[in-house]
Amino acid sequence: MKKSLWVKLMVGLGFVMVLSFSAQAETITLTFANQNPELGWGTSQAWKPWVERIEKASGGRLKIKGYHSQTLAKGKDTWNAVKYGIADMGWCFHPYWPGMTSLADVISMPSLPFKTSEEGSAALWKLYEKFPQIRKQFADNHILLLYTTDPYFLITTEKQVKAQEDLQGLKIRMMGGPSTEMMKALGGVPMSVPMPDNYIAMQKGVTDGMGGSWESILTFRLYEVVKYYTLDTSFPVVYFSIAMNKNKWNSLPKDLQDIFTRESGLNGARFWGRNFFDTAREAMIREAMDKGYEMNIYPLPQSEREKWLKEAGKPIWEDWLAKMKADGHPEAQEILDALLAMF
């Protein structure tokens, strides 16, 4: 009788162990909505290695399936696609949604004192961690990391912009928020065009140019339709989030959440900024020149840059502070001061 009971106990224990092992070994697949093309620079240099690190650290328990080139959700719909569970995760371009994360827009002020995406990305994440008012504006989704471009410059199709006067009446795609206000103040006509549509817009003359980064020019082969590059414009950066659906996040086991946390946050912000943007300049110039495309590069002189700053730089800071105060955010000045103190 005792032997029979012992056998039953051992069989039961073995069954429980098998179930436990099966639960641990089960692969969780997360869908990721990514506006960028699968073979683009940012996807190959930032998204892919980041995903591989997470999957490897999980020991095969996590799988992140990328839906690139807007195949799961359009760029403008990605935030809500993540919020409502259409996608488990998403690459979110915040200039699509003016005013939604208005306090984080501080990072998009013109003429801020940083030169690389890695620097800007780290600064934005530190602000996010420091100020609960910023976190509240992102609260619809679980934010894994935030990152920025490097400061944008100007590319044009038909003429080199060397002075503010050259901008008058030009239709220039900008990214919303402070960058759009800056272009208005300089006399250009800001246009809102989704990133994947800029090639055709410039090719057909719908727009005359855009504020851009080396990565966007490389990924979307914009060097095929533009000839002129005006650098050192003090244009702002734009910023992004890597977001996860909150219910999906809460459903993950704690050890898998910890893997995401280790690969995200400040370290993740720096990684995405550096790999997505800072490494793209040499690659873009080399590719354009190897293929024989014309590149007329003009660094804006200091005297002209100071003129742009006077007309459309720091006045944008003041406008933003006034708007934030009117919207009930007196902490905006403290946020701006904290950002400037980092450099």
C-alpha atoms as a PDB file:
ATOM      1  CA  MET A   1       0.000   0.000   0.000  1.00  0.00           C
ATOM      2  CA  LYS A   2       2.796   2.354   0.929  1.00  0.00           C
ATOM      3  CA  LYS A   3       4.688   1.447  -2.239  1.00  0.00           C
ATOM      4  CA  SER A   4       1.603   2.133  -4.362  1.00  0.00           C
ATOM      5  CA  LEU A   5       1.152   5.536  -2.746  1.00  0.00           C
ATOM      6  CA  TRP A   6       4.824   6.368  -3.275  1.00  0.00           C
ATOM      7  CA  VAL A   7       4.548   5.472  -6.974  1.00  0.00           C
ATOM      8  CA  LYS A   8       1.480   7.648  -7.375  1.00  0.00           C
ATOM      9  CA  LEU A   9       3.237  10.552  -5.692  1.00  0.00           C
ATOM     10  CA  MET A  10       6.276  10.188  -7.932  1.00  0.00           C
ATOM     11  CA  VAL A  11       4.120  10.007 -11.057  1.00  0.00           C
ATOM     12  CA  GLY A  12       2.189  13.066  -9.950  1.00  0.00           C
ATOM     13  CA  LEU A  13       5.398  14.960  -9.219  1.00  0.00           C
ATOM     14  CA  GLY A  14       6.782  14.025 -12.618  1.00  0.00           C
ATOM     15  CA  PHE A  15       3.600  15.255 -14.299  1.00  0.00           C
ATOM     16  CA  VAL A  16       3.826  18.589 -12.488  1.00  0.00           C
ATOM     17  CA  MET A  17       7.487  18.924 -13.489  1.00  0.00           C
ATOM     18  CA  VAL A  18       6.639  18.248 -17.129  1.00  0.00           C
ATOM     19  CA  LEU A  19       3.892  20.866 -17.076  1.00  0.00           C
ATOM     20  CA  SER A  20       6.228  23.342 -15.381  1.00  0.00           C
ATOM     21  CA  PHE A  21       8.972  22.698 -17.911  1.00  0.00           C
ATOM     22  CA  SER A  22       6.526  23.077 -20.803  1.00  0.00           C
ATOM     23  CA  ALA A  23       5.270  26.385 -19.440  1.00  0.00           C
ATOM     24  CA  GLN A  24       8.825  27.668 -19.079  1.00  0.00           C
ATOM     25  CA  ALA A  25       9.833  26.466 -22.521  1.00  0.00           C
ATOM     26  CA  GLU A  26       6.797  27.949 -24.282  1.00  0.00           C
ATOM     27  CA  THR A  27       7.819  30.639 -26.747  1.00  0.00           C
ATOM     28  CA  ILE A  28       6.054  33.989 -26.449  1.00  0.00           C
ATOM     29  CA  THR A  29       5.864  35.757 -29.802  1.00  0.00           C
ATOM     30  CA  LEU A  30       5.432  39.533 -29.791  1.00  0.00           C
ATOM     31  CA  THR A  31       4.445  41.481 -32.890  1.00  0.00           C
ATOM     32  CA  PHE A  32       6.371  44.675 -33.624  1.00  0.00           C
ATOM     33  CA  ALA A  33       4.988  47.371 -35.943  1.00  0.00           C
ATOM     34  CA  ASN A  34       7.901  49.163 -37.628  1.00  0.00           C
ATOM     35  CA  GLN A  35       7.430  51.933 -40.179  1.00  0.00           C
ATOM     36  CA  ASN A  36      10.975  51.567 -41.479  1.00  0.00           C
ATOM     37  CA  PRO A  37      11.987  49.157 -44.256  1.00  0.00           C
ATOM     38  CA  GLU A  38      13.460  45.847 -43.192  1.00  0.00           C
ATOM     39  CA  LEU A  39      16.697  46.422 -45.119  1.00  0.00           C
ATOM     40  CA  GLY A  40      17.018  50.069 -44.072  1.00  0.00           C
ATOM     41  CA  TRP A  41      19.942  51.299 -42.002  1.00  0.00           C
ATOM     42  CA  GLY A  42      18.043  51.822 -38.761  1.00  0.00           C
ATOM     43  CA  THR A  43      16.292  48.463 -38.892  1.00  0.00           C
ATOM     44  CA  SER A  44      19.451  46.533 -39.682  1.00  0.00           C
ATOM     45  CA  GLN A  45      21.767  48.448 -37.351  1.00  0.00           C
ATOM     46  CA  ALA A  46      19.490  49.129 -34.356  1.00  0.00           C
ATOM     47  CA  TRP A  47      16.215  47.182 -34.436  1.00  0.00           C
ATOM     48  CA  LYS A  48      17.664  43.836 -35.472  1.00  0.00           C
ATOM     49  CA  PRO A  49      20.626  43.631 -33.020  1.00  0.00           C
ATOM     50  CA  TRP A  50      18.441  44.922 -30.170  1.00  0.00           C
ATOM     51  CA  VAL A  51      15.835  42.254 -30.879  1.00  0.00           C
ATOM     52  CA  GLU A  52      18.496  39.561 -31.174  1.00  0.00           C
ATOM     53  CA  ARG A  53      19.963  40.501 -27.794  1.00  0.00           C
ATOM     54  CA  ILE A  54      16.551  40.216 -26.126  1.00  0.00           C
ATOM     55  CA  GLU A  55      15.716  36.921 -27.804  1.00  0.00           C
ATOM     56  CA  LYS A  56      19.109  35.442 -26.902  1.00  0.00           C
ATOM     57  CA  ALA A  57      18.870  36.578 -23.287  1.00  0.00           C
ATOM     58  CA  SER A  58      15.461  34.904 -23.003  1.00  0.00           C
ATOM     59  CA  GLY A  59      16.916  31.540 -23.960  1.00  0.00           C
ATOM     60  CA  GLY A  60      14.430  31.171 -26.771  1.00  0.00           C
ATOM     61  CA  ARG A  61      11.367  32.005 -24.676  1.00  0.00           C
ATOM     62  CA  LEU A  62      10.817  35.320 -26.476  1.00  0.00           C
ATOM     63  CA  LYS A  63      10.369  35.871 -30.186  1.00  0.00           C
ATOM     64  CA  ILE A  64       9.825  39.356 -31.645  1.00  0.00           C
ATOM     65  CA  LYS A  65       8.277  39.281 -35.098  1.00  0.00           C
ATOM     66  CA  GLY A  66       8.848  42.486 -37.045  1.00  0.00           C
ATOM     67  CA  TYR A  67       6.262  43.864 -39.448  1.00  0.00           C
ATOM     68  CA  HIS A  68       8.294  46.408 -41.378  1.00  0.00           C
ATOM     69  CA  SER A  69       7.380  49.083 -43.942  1.00  0.00           C
ATOM     70  CA  GLN A  70       3.992  49.788 -42.336  1.00  0.00           C
ATOM     71  CA  THR A  71       2.661  46.272 -43.065  1.00  0.00           C
ATOM     72  CA  LEU A  72       0.939  45.932 -39.677  1.00  0.00           C
ATOM     73  CA  ALA A  73       0.106  49.578 -38.969  1.00  0.00           C
ATOM     74  CA  LYS A  74       0.668  52.856 -40.768  1.00  0.00           C
ATOM     75  CA  GLY A  75       3.231  55.114 -39.155  1.00  0.00           C
ATOM     76  CA  LYS A  76       0.595  57.606 -37.983  1.00  0.00           C
ATOM     77  CA  ASP A  77      -1.477  54.787 -36.473  1.00  0.00           C
ATOM     78  CA  THR A  78       1.289  52.962 -34.605  1.00  0.00           C
ATOM     79  CA  TRP A  79       0.796  54.548 -31.173  1.00  0.00           C
ATOM     80  CA  ASN A  80      -2.869  53.565 -31.098  1.00  0.00           C
ATOM     81  CA  ALA A  81      -2.129  50.207 -32.708  1.00  0.00           C
ATOM     82  CA  VAL A  82       0.061  49.431 -29.701  1.00  0.00           C
ATOM     83  CA  LYS A  83      -2.396  50.980 -27.245  1.00  0.00           C
ATOM     84  CA  TYR A  84      -5.301  48.834 -28.468  1.00  0.00           C
ATOM     85  CA  GLY A  85      -3.300  45.640 -28.959  1.00  0.00           C
ATOM     86  CA  ILE A  86      -3.256  45.522 -32.753  1.00  0.00           C
ATOM     87  CA  ALA A  87       0.512  45.371 -32.309  1.00  0.00           C
ATOM     88  CA  ASP A  88       2.264  44.192 -29.162  1.00  0.00           C
ATOM     89  CA  MET A  89       5.138  46.611 -29.726  1.00  0.00           C
ATOM     90  CA  GLY A  90       5.844  49.526 -32.006  1.00  0.00           C
ATOM     91  CA  TRP A  91       8.318  52.087 -33.280  1.00  0.00           C
ATOM     92  CA  CYS A  92       6.560  55.391 -32.635  1.00  0.00           C
ATOM     93  CA  PHE A  93       7.443  58.687 -34.352  1.00  0.00           C
ATOM     94  CA  HIS A  94       6.058  61.330 -32.015  1.00  0.00           C
ATOM     95  CA  PRO A  95       5.921  64.316 -34.389  1.00  0.00           C
ATOM     96  CA  TYR A  96       2.930  62.532 -35.956  1.00  0.00           C
ATOM     97  CA  TRP A  97       0.906  63.453 -32.863  1.00  0.00           C
ATOM     98  CA  PRO A  98       1.381  67.163 -32.054  1.00  0.00           C
ATOM     99  CA  GLY A  99       0.618  68.007 -28.452  1.00  0.00           C
ATOM    100  CA  MET A 100       0.299  64.412 -27.230  1.00  0.00           C
ATOM    101  CA  THR A 101       3.702  64.390 -25.505  1.00  0.00           C
ATOM    102  CA  SER A 102       4.182  68.151 -25.450  1.00  0.00           C
ATOM    103  CA  LEU A 103       6.596  68.240 -22.511  1.00  0.00           C
ATOM    104  CA  ALA A 104       8.992  65.861 -24.241  1.00  0.00           C
ATOM    105  CA  ASP A 105       8.971  68.308 -27.155  1.00  0.00           C
ATOM    106  CA  VAL A 106      11.586  70.228 -25.189  1.00  0.00           C
ATOM    107  CA  ILE A 107      14.173  67.969 -26.838  1.00  0.00           C
ATOM    108  CA  SER A 108      13.015  69.314 -30.224  1.00  0.00           C
ATOM    109  CA  MET A 109      13.863  72.933 -29.523  1.00  0.00           C
ATOM    110  CA  PRO A 110      16.184  74.499 -32.133  1.00  0.00           C
ATOM    111  CA  SER A 111      19.841  75.076 -31.294  1.00  0.00           C
ATOM    112  CA  LEU A 112      20.213  72.759 -28.326  1.00  0.00           C
ATOM    113  CA  PRO A 113      23.805  72.090 -27.220  1.00  0.00           C
ATOM    114  CA  PHE A 114      24.330  68.539 -28.407  1.00  0.00           C
ATOM    115  CA  LYS A 115      25.574  67.194 -31.722  1.00  0.00           C
ATOM    116  CA  THR A 116      24.826  63.463 -31.745  1.00  0.00           C
ATOM    117  CA  SER A 117      21.820  61.235 -31.469  1.00  0.00           C
ATOM    118  CA  GLU A 118      23.409  59.322 -28.612  1.00  0.00           C
ATOM    119  CA  GLU A 119      23.704  62.525 -26.567  1.00  0.00           C
ATOM    120  CA  GLY A 120      20.159  63.656 -27.334  1.00  0.00           C
ATOM    121  CA  SER A 121      18.707  60.220 -26.657  1.00  0.00           C
ATOM    122  CA  ALA A 122      20.384  59.943 -23.264  1.00  0.00           C
ATOM    123  CA  ALA A 123      19.188  63.429 -22.323  1.00  0.00           C
ATOM    124  CA  LEU A 124      15.588  62.687 -23.270  1.00  0.00           C
ATOM    125  CA  TRP A 125      15.516  59.443 -21.282  1.00  0.00           C
ATOM    126  CA  LYS A 126      16.939  61.195 -18.217  1.00  0.00           C
ATOM    127  CA  LEU A 127      14.191  63.806 -18.460  1.00  0.00           C
ATOM    128  CA  TYR A 128      11.584  61.038 -18.766  1.00  0.00           C
ATOM    129  CA  GLU A 129      12.908  59.394 -15.611  1.00  0.00           C
ATOM    130  CA  LYS A 130      13.182  62.660 -13.680  1.00  0.00           C
ATOM    131  CA  PHE A 131       9.798  64.226 -14.401  1.00  0.00           C
ATOM    132  CA  PRO A 132       6.533  62.358 -13.673  1.00  0.00           C
ATOM    133  CA  GLN A 133       4.679  64.966 -15.742  1.00  0.00           C
ATOM    134  CA  ILE A 134       6.541  63.737 -18.832  1.00  0.00           C
ATOM    135  CA  ARG A 135       5.876  60.089 -18.005  1.00  0.00           C
ATOM    136  CA  LYS A 136       2.170  60.824 -17.582  1.00  0.00           C
ATOM    137  CA  GLN A 137       1.912  61.972 -21.209  1.00  0.00           C
ATOM    138  CA  PHE A 138       3.274  58.603 -22.398  1.00  0.00           C
ATOM    139  CA  ALA A 139       1.104  56.565 -20.020  1.00  0.00           C
ATOM    140  CA  ASP A 140      -1.161  54.942 -22.629  1.00  0.00           C
ATOM    141  CA  ASN A 141       1.646  52.517 -23.475  1.00  0.00           C
ATOM    142  CA  HIS A 142       4.558  50.956 -21.620  1.00  0.00           C
ATOM    143  CA  ILE A 143       7.665  52.855 -22.749  1.00  0.00           C
ATOM    144  CA  LEU A 144      10.788  50.764 -23.114  1.00  0.00           C
ATOM    145  CA  LEU A 145      13.028  53.555 -24.359  1.00  0.00           C
ATOM    146  CA  LEU A 146      13.083  56.959 -26.027  1.00  0.00           C
ATOM    147  CA  TYR A 147      15.632  58.201 -28.511  1.00  0.00           C
ATOM    148  CA  THR A 148      16.265  61.102 -30.883  1.00  0.00           C
ATOM    149  CA  THR A 149      17.792  61.800 -34.243  1.00  0.00           C
ATOM    150  CA  ASP A 150      20.972  63.789 -34.543  1.00  0.00           C
ATOM    151  CA  PRO A 151      20.184  67.467 -35.304  1.00  0.00           C
ATOM    152  CA  TYR A 152      18.540  67.718 -38.720  1.00  0.00           C
ATOM    153  CA  PHE A 153      19.921  69.641 -41.669  1.00  0.00           C
ATOM    154  CA  LEU A 154      18.354  70.811 -44.935  1.00  0.00           C
ATOM    155  CA  ILE A 155      18.247  68.973 -48.252  1.00  0.00           C
ATOM    156  CA  THR A 156      16.775  70.516 -51.404  1.00  0.00           C
ATOM    157  CA  THR A 157      16.159  69.427 -54.969  1.00  0.00           C
ATOM    158  CA  GLU A 158      16.613  72.481 -57.195  1.00  0.00           C
ATOM    159  CA  LYS A 159      18.802  75.044 -55.454  1.00  0.00           C
ATOM    160  CA  GLN A 160      21.340  75.370 -52.706  1.00  0.00           C
ATOM    161  CA  VAL A 161      20.060  77.222 -49.652  1.00  0.00           C
ATOM    162  CA  LYS A 162      22.844  79.482 -48.441  1.00  0.00           C
ATOM    163  CA  ALA A 163      20.851  82.174 -46.652  1.00  0.00           C
ATOM    164  CA  GLN A 164      17.450  82.754 -45.121  1.00  0.00           C
ATOM    165  CA  GLU A 165      16.366  84.589 -48.262  1.00  0.00           C
ATOM    166  CA  ASP A 166      16.827  81.382 -50.263  1.00  0.00           C
ATOM    167  CA  LEU A 167      14.169  79.686 -48.159  1.00  0.00           C
ATOM    168  CA  GLN A 168      11.363  82.114 -48.925  1.00  0.00           C
ATOM    169  CA  GLY A 169       8.365  80.238 -50.309  1.00  0.00           C
ATOM    170  CA  LEU A 170      10.115  76.861 -50.505  1.00  0.00           C
ATOM    171  CA  LYS A 171       7.897  73.940 -49.534  1.00  0.00           C
ATOM    172  CA  ILE A 172       9.940  72.079 -46.933  1.00  0.00           C
ATOM    173  CA  ARG A 173       8.826  68.930 -45.201  1.00  0.00           C
ATOM    174  CA  MET A 174       9.299  69.352 -41.465  1.00  0.00           C
ATOM    175  CA  MET A 175       8.475  67.109 -38.557  1.00  0.00           C
ATOM    176  CA  GLY A 176       5.780  68.994 -36.649  1.00  0.00           C
ATOM    177  CA  GLY A 177       5.974  70.935 -33.400  1.00  0.00           C
ATOM    178  CA  PRO A 178       8.931  73.279 -32.889  1.00  0.00           C
ATOM    179  CA  SER A 179      10.585  72.343 -36.189  1.00  0.00           C
ATOM    180  CA  THR A 180       7.488  73.419 -38.117  1.00  0.00           C
ATOM    181  CA  GLU A 181       7.362  76.706 -36.220  1.00  0.00           C
ATOM    182  CA  MET A 182      11.037  77.276 -36.967  1.00  0.00           C
ATOM    183  CA  MET A 183      10.467  76.823 -40.716  1.00  0.00           C
ATOM    184  CA  LYS A 184       7.534  79.265 -40.649  1.00  0.00           C
ATOM    185  CA  ALA A 185       9.694  81.861 -38.905  1.00  0.00           C
ATOM    186  CA  LEU A 186      12.425  81.441 -41.528  1.00  0.00           C
ATOM    187  CA  GLY A 187       9.967  82.060 -44.361  1.00  0.00           C
ATOM    188  CA  GLY A 188       9.625  78.548 -45.718  1.00  0.00           C
ATOM    189  CA  VAL A 189       6.346  76.690 -46.117  1.00  0.00           C
ATOM    190  CA  PRO A 190       6.357  73.661 -43.790  1.00  0.00           C
ATOM    191  CA  MET A 191       4.768  70.527 -45.199  1.00  0.00           C
ATOM    192  CA  SER A 192       3.630  67.384 -43.404  1.00  0.00           C
ATOM    193  CA  VAL A 193       4.580  64.274 -45.383  1.00  0.00           C
ATOM    194  CA  PRO A 194       4.996  60.719 -44.006  1.00  0.00           C
ATOM    195  CA  MET A 195       8.626  59.655 -44.220  1.00  0.00           C
ATOM    196  CA  PRO A 196       8.100  56.895 -46.827  1.00  0.00           C
ATOM    197  CA  ASP A 197       6.358  59.384 -49.159  1.00  0.00           C
ATOM    198  CA  ASN A 198       9.112  62.007 -49.257  1.00  0.00           C
ATOM    199  CA  TYR A 199      10.969  60.491 -52.216  1.00  0.00           C
ATOM    200  CA  ILE A 200       7.974  60.863 -54.538  1.00  0.00           C
ATOM    201  CA  ALA A 201       6.972  64.213 -53.038  1.00  0.00           C
ATOM    202  CA  MET A 202      10.366  65.715 -53.878  1.00  0.00           C
ATOM    203  CA  GLN A 203      10.685  63.869 -57.182  1.00  0.00           C
ATOM    204  CA  LYS A 204       7.337  65.289 -58.367  1.00  0.00           C
ATOM    205  CA  GLY A 205       7.884  68.766 -56.961  1.00  0.00           C
ATOM    206  CA  VAL A 206       5.167  68.528 -54.328  1.00  0.00           C
ATOM    207  CA  THR A 207       7.888  69.590 -51.915  1.00  0.00           C
ATOM    208  CA  ASP A 208      11.186  71.378 -52.584  1.00  0.00           C
ATOM    209  CA  GLY A 209      13.122  69.660 -49.832  1.00  0.00           C
ATOM    210  CA  MET A 210      13.053  68.579 -46.238  1.00  0.00           C
ATOM    211  CA  GLY A 211      14.768  68.651 -42.910  1.00  0.00           C
ATOM    212  CA  GLY A 212      16.478  65.311 -42.657  1.00  0.00           C
ATOM    213  CA  SER A 213      19.164  63.131 -41.158  1.00  0.00           C
ATOM    214  CA  TRP A 214      21.869  61.054 -42.820  1.00  0.00           C
ATOM    215  CA  GLU A 215      19.962  57.924 -41.838  1.00  0.00           C
ATOM    216  CA  SER A 216      16.700  58.950 -43.501  1.00  0.00           C
ATOM    217  CA  ILE A 217      18.512  59.991 -46.681  1.00  0.00           C
ATOM    218  CA  LEU A 218      20.325  56.655 -46.761  1.00  0.00           C
ATOM    219  CA  THR A 219      17.393  54.417 -45.865  1.00  0.00           C
ATOM    220  CA  PHE A 220      14.940  56.018 -48.288  1.00  0.00           C
ATOM    221  CA  ARG A 221      17.564  56.692 -51.004  1.00  0.00           C
ATOM    222  CA  LEU A 222      16.703  60.398 -50.988  1.00  0.00           C
ATOM    223  CA  TYR A 223      20.149  61.142 -52.426  1.00  0.00           C
ATOM    224  CA  GLU A 224      18.662  60.020 -55.749  1.00  0.00           C
ATOM    225  CA  VAL A 225      16.295  63.011 -55.877  1.00  0.00           C
ATOM    226  CA  VAL A 226      18.161  65.773 -54.007  1.00  0.00           C
ATOM    227  CA  LYS A 227      21.375  67.525 -54.967  1.00  0.00           C
ATOM    228  CA  TYR A 228      21.889  70.115 -52.252  1.00  0.00           C
ATOM    229  CA  TYR A 229      22.797  69.699 -48.597  1.00  0.00           C
ATOM    230  CA  THR A 230      22.871  72.661 -46.213  1.00  0.00           C
ATOM    231  CA  LEU A 231      24.543  71.678 -42.946  1.00  0.00           C
ATOM    232  CA  ASP A 232      24.852  73.338 -39.521  1.00  0.00           C
ATOM    233  CA  THR A 233      21.360  74.815 -39.715  1.00  0.00           C
ATOM    234  CA  SER A 234      20.632  74.427 -35.967  1.00  0.00           C
ATOM    235  CA  PHE A 235      17.498  72.526 -36.930  1.00  0.00           C
ATOM    236  CA  PRO A 236      16.036  70.499 -34.066  1.00  0.00           C
ATOM    237  CA  VAL A 237      16.011  66.777 -33.528  1.00  0.00           C
ATOM    238  CA  VAL A 238      12.879  64.658 -33.517  1.00  0.00           C
ATOM    239  CA  TYR A 239      12.214  61.807 -31.132  1.00  0.00           C
ATOM    240  CA  PHE A 240      10.767  58.314 -31.005  1.00  0.00           C
ATOM    241  CA  SER A 241       9.607  55.737 -28.514  1.00  0.00           C
ATOM    242  CA  ILE A 242       9.805  51.986 -28.490  1.00  0.00           C
ATOM    243  CA  ALA A 243       6.490  51.153 -26.861  1.00  0.00           C
ATOM    244  CA  MET A 244       4.700  48.004 -25.719  1.00  0.00           C
ATOM    245  CA  ASN A 245       1.011  47.378 -25.107  1.00  0.00           C
ATOM    246  CA  LYS A 246       0.452  47.672 -21.353  1.00  0.00           C
ATOM    247  CA  ASN A 247      -1.651  44.518 -21.055  1.00  0.00           C
ATOM    248  CA  LYS A 248       0.961  42.565 -22.987  1.00  0.00           C
ATOM    249  CA  TRP A 249       3.711  43.939 -20.753  1.00  0.00           C
ATOM    250  CA  ASN A 250       1.788  42.997 -17.610  1.00  0.00           C
ATOM    251  CA  SER A 251       1.239  39.481 -18.946  1.00  0.00           C
ATOM    252  CA  LEU A 252       4.957  38.778 -19.297  1.00  0.00           C
ATOM    253  CA  PRO A 253       6.742  36.831 -16.542  1.00  0.00           C
ATOM    254  CA  LYS A 254       8.909  38.998 -14.323  1.00  0.00           C
ATOM    255  CA  ASP A 255      12.172  37.519 -15.602  1.00  0.00           C
ATOM    256  CA  LEU A 256      11.242  38.377 -19.200  1.00  0.00           C
ATOM    257  CA  GLN A 257      10.242  41.899 -18.169  1.00  0.00           C
ATOM    258  CA  ASP A 258      13.679  42.204 -16.556  1.00  0.00           C
ATOM    259  CA  ILE A 259      15.358  41.298 -19.860  1.00  0.00           C
ATOM    260  CA  PHE A 260      13.509  44.071 -21.665  1.00  0.00           C
ATOM    261  CA  THR A 261      14.359  46.516 -18.883  1.00  0.00           C
ATOM    262  CA  ARG A 262      18.079  45.683 -19.035  1.00  0.00           C
ATOM    263  CA  GLU A 263      18.174  46.210 -22.806  1.00  0.00           C
ATOM    264  CA  SER A 264      16.072  49.384 -22.695  1.00  0.00           C
ATOM    265  CA  GLY A 265      16.072  52.526 -20.559  1.00  0.00           C
ATOM    266  CA  LEU A 266      19.205  54.664 -20.712  1.00  0.00           C
ATOM    267  CA  ASN A 267      21.407  51.970 -22.241  1.00  0.00           C
ATOM    268  CA  GLY A 268      18.786  51.222 -24.871  1.00  0.00           C
ATOM    269  CA  ALA A 269      18.327  54.909 -25.665  1.00  0.00           C
ATOM    270  CA  ARG A 270      22.043  55.346 -26.259  1.00  0.00           C
ATOM    271  CA  PHE A 271      22.236  52.143 -28.296  1.00  0.00           C
ATOM    272  CA  TRP A 272      19.352  53.091 -30.594  1.00  0.00           C
ATOM    273  CA  GLY A 273      20.578  56.650 -31.019  1.00  0.00           C
ATOM    274  CA  ARG A 274      24.136  55.655 -31.828  1.00  0.00           C
ATOM    275  CA  ASN A 275      23.306  52.711 -34.090  1.00  0.00           C
ATOM    276  CA  PHE A 276      20.259  54.170 -35.821  1.00  0.00           C
ATOM    277  CA  PHE A 277      21.645  57.634 -36.581  1.00  0.00           C
ATOM    278  CA  ASP A 278      25.214  58.404 -35.558  1.00  0.00           C
ATOM    279  CA  THR A 279      26.732  55.640 -37.656  1.00  0.00           C
ATOM    280  CA  ALA A 280      24.794  56.570 -40.811  1.00  0.00           C
ATOM    281  CA  ARG A 281      26.699  59.620 -42.102  1.00  0.00           C
ATOM    282  CA  GLU A 282      29.740  57.848 -43.527  1.00  0.00           C
ATOM    283  CA  ALA A 283      27.635  55.030 -44.921  1.00  0.00           C
ATOM    284  CA  MET A 284      25.259  57.437 -46.667  1.00  0.00           C
ATOM    285  CA  ILE A 285      27.960  59.607 -48.246  1.00  0.00           C
ATOM    286  CA  ARG A 286      29.898  56.550 -49.386  1.00  0.00           C
ATOM    287  CA  GLU A 287      26.828  54.961 -50.986  1.00  0.00           C
ATOM    288  CA  ALA A 288      25.751  58.150 -52.783  1.00  0.00           C
ATOM    289  CA  MET A 289      29.237  58.818 -54.127  1.00  0.00           C
ATOM    290  CA  ASP A 290      29.799  55.191 -55.135  1.00  0.00           C
ATOM    291  CA  LYS A 291      26.614  55.345 -57.191  1.00  0.00           C
ATOM    292  CA  GLY A 292      27.610  58.634 -58.808  1.00  0.00           C
ATOM    293  CA  TYR A 293      24.950  60.925 -57.378  1.00  0.00           C
ATOM    294  CA  GLU A 294      25.613  64.647 -57.129  1.00  0.00           C
ATOM    295  CA  MET A 295      26.180  66.013 -53.630  1.00  0.00           C
ATOM    296  CA  ASN A 296      26.626  69.756 -53.132  1.00  0.00           C
ATOM    297  CA  ILE A 297      27.410  70.237 -49.450  1.00  0.00           C
ATOM    298  CA  TYR A 298      27.308  73.728 -47.950  1.00  0.00           C
ATOM    299  CA  PRO A 299      27.976  74.315 -44.233  1.00  0.00           C
ATOM    300  CA  LEU A 300      25.975  77.351 -43.108  1.00  0.00           C
ATOM    301  CA  PRO A 301      28.424  80.082 -42.002  1.00  0.00           C
ATOM    302  CA  GLN A 302      28.386  81.160 -38.376  1.00  0.00           C
ATOM    303  CA  SER A 303      27.079  84.627 -39.260  1.00  0.00           C
ATOM    304  CA  GLU A 304      24.101  83.196 -41.145  1.00  0.00           C
ATOM    305  CA  ARG A 305      23.461  80.596 -38.462  1.00  0.00           C
ATOM    306  CA  GLU A 306      23.278  83.329 -35.837  1.00  0.00           C
ATOM    307  CA  LYS A 307      20.720  85.118 -37.989  1.00  0.00           C
ATOM    308  CA  TRP A 308      18.598  81.960 -38.161  1.00  0.00           C
ATOM    309  CA  LEU A 309      18.868  81.545 -34.413  1.00  0.00           C
ATOM    310  CA  LYS A 310      17.752  85.107 -33.808  1.00  0.00           C
ATOM    311  CA  GLU A 311      14.766  84.781 -36.121  1.00  0.00           C
ATOM    312  CA  ALA A 312      13.704  81.226 -35.416  1.00  0.00           C
ATOM    313  CA  GLY A 313      15.782  79.688 -32.657  1.00  0.00           C
ATOM    314  CA  LYS A 314      15.421  80.818 -29.085  1.00  0.00           C
ATOM    315  CA  PRO A 315      12.107  82.614 -29.811  1.00  0.00           C
ATOM    316  CA  ILE A 316      10.731  79.098 -30.323  1.00  0.00           C
ATOM    317  CA  TRP A 317      11.891  78.223 -26.806  1.00  0.00           C
ATOM    318  CA  GLU A 318       9.948  81.184 -25.431  1.00  0.00           C
ATOM    319  CA  ASP A 319       6.853  80.274 -27.437  1.00  0.00           C
ATOM    320  CA  TRP A 320       7.003  76.711 -26.148  1.00  0.00           C
ATOM    321  CA  LEU A 321       7.380  77.839 -22.536  1.00  0.00           C
ATOM    322  CA  ALA A 322       4.429  80.229 -22.890  1.00  0.00           C
ATOM    323  CA  LYS A 323       2.260  77.535 -24.442  1.00  0.00           C
ATOM    324  CA  MET A 324       3.158  75.012 -21.758  1.00  0.00           C
ATOM    325  CA  LYS A 325       2.321  77.526 -19.040  1.00  0.00           C
ATOM    326  CA  ALA A 326      -1.017  78.257 -20.692  1.00  0.00           C
ATOM    327  CA  ASP A 327      -1.706  74.516 -20.864  1.00  0.00           C
ATOM    328  CA  GLY A 328      -1.101  74.126 -17.140  1.00  0.00           C
ATOM    329  CA  HIS A 329       2.531  73.005 -17.170  1.00  0.00           C
ATOM    330  CA  PRO A 330       4.526  75.492 -15.088  1.00  0.00           C
ATOM    331  CA  GLU A 331       7.191  72.789 -14.732  1.00  0.00           C
ATOM    332  CA  ALA A 332       8.220  73.364 -18.368  1.00  0.00           C
ATOM    333  CA  GLN A 333      10.881  75.902 -17.364  1.00  0.00           C
ATOM    334  CA  GLU A 334      12.359  73.427 -14.888  1.00  0.00           C
ATOM    335  CA  ILE A 335      12.390  70.751 -17.608  1.00  0.00           C
ATOM    336  CA  LEU A 336      14.191  73.051 -20.051  1.00  0.00           C
ATOM    337  CA  ASP A 337      16.686  74.106 -17.379  1.00  0.00           C
ATOM    338  CA  ALA A 338      17.352  70.452 -16.491  1.00  0.00           C
ATOM    339  CA  LEU A 339      17.995  69.665 -20.152  1.00  0.00           C
ATOM    340  CA  LEU A 340      20.428  72.554 -20.628  1.00  0.00           C
ATOM    341  CA  ALA A 341      22.246  71.608 -17.410  1.00  0.00           C
ATOM    342  CA  MET A 342      23.171  68.238 -18.908  1.00  0.00           C
ATOM    343  CA  PHE A 343      25.600  69.834 -21.390  1.00  0.00           C
END
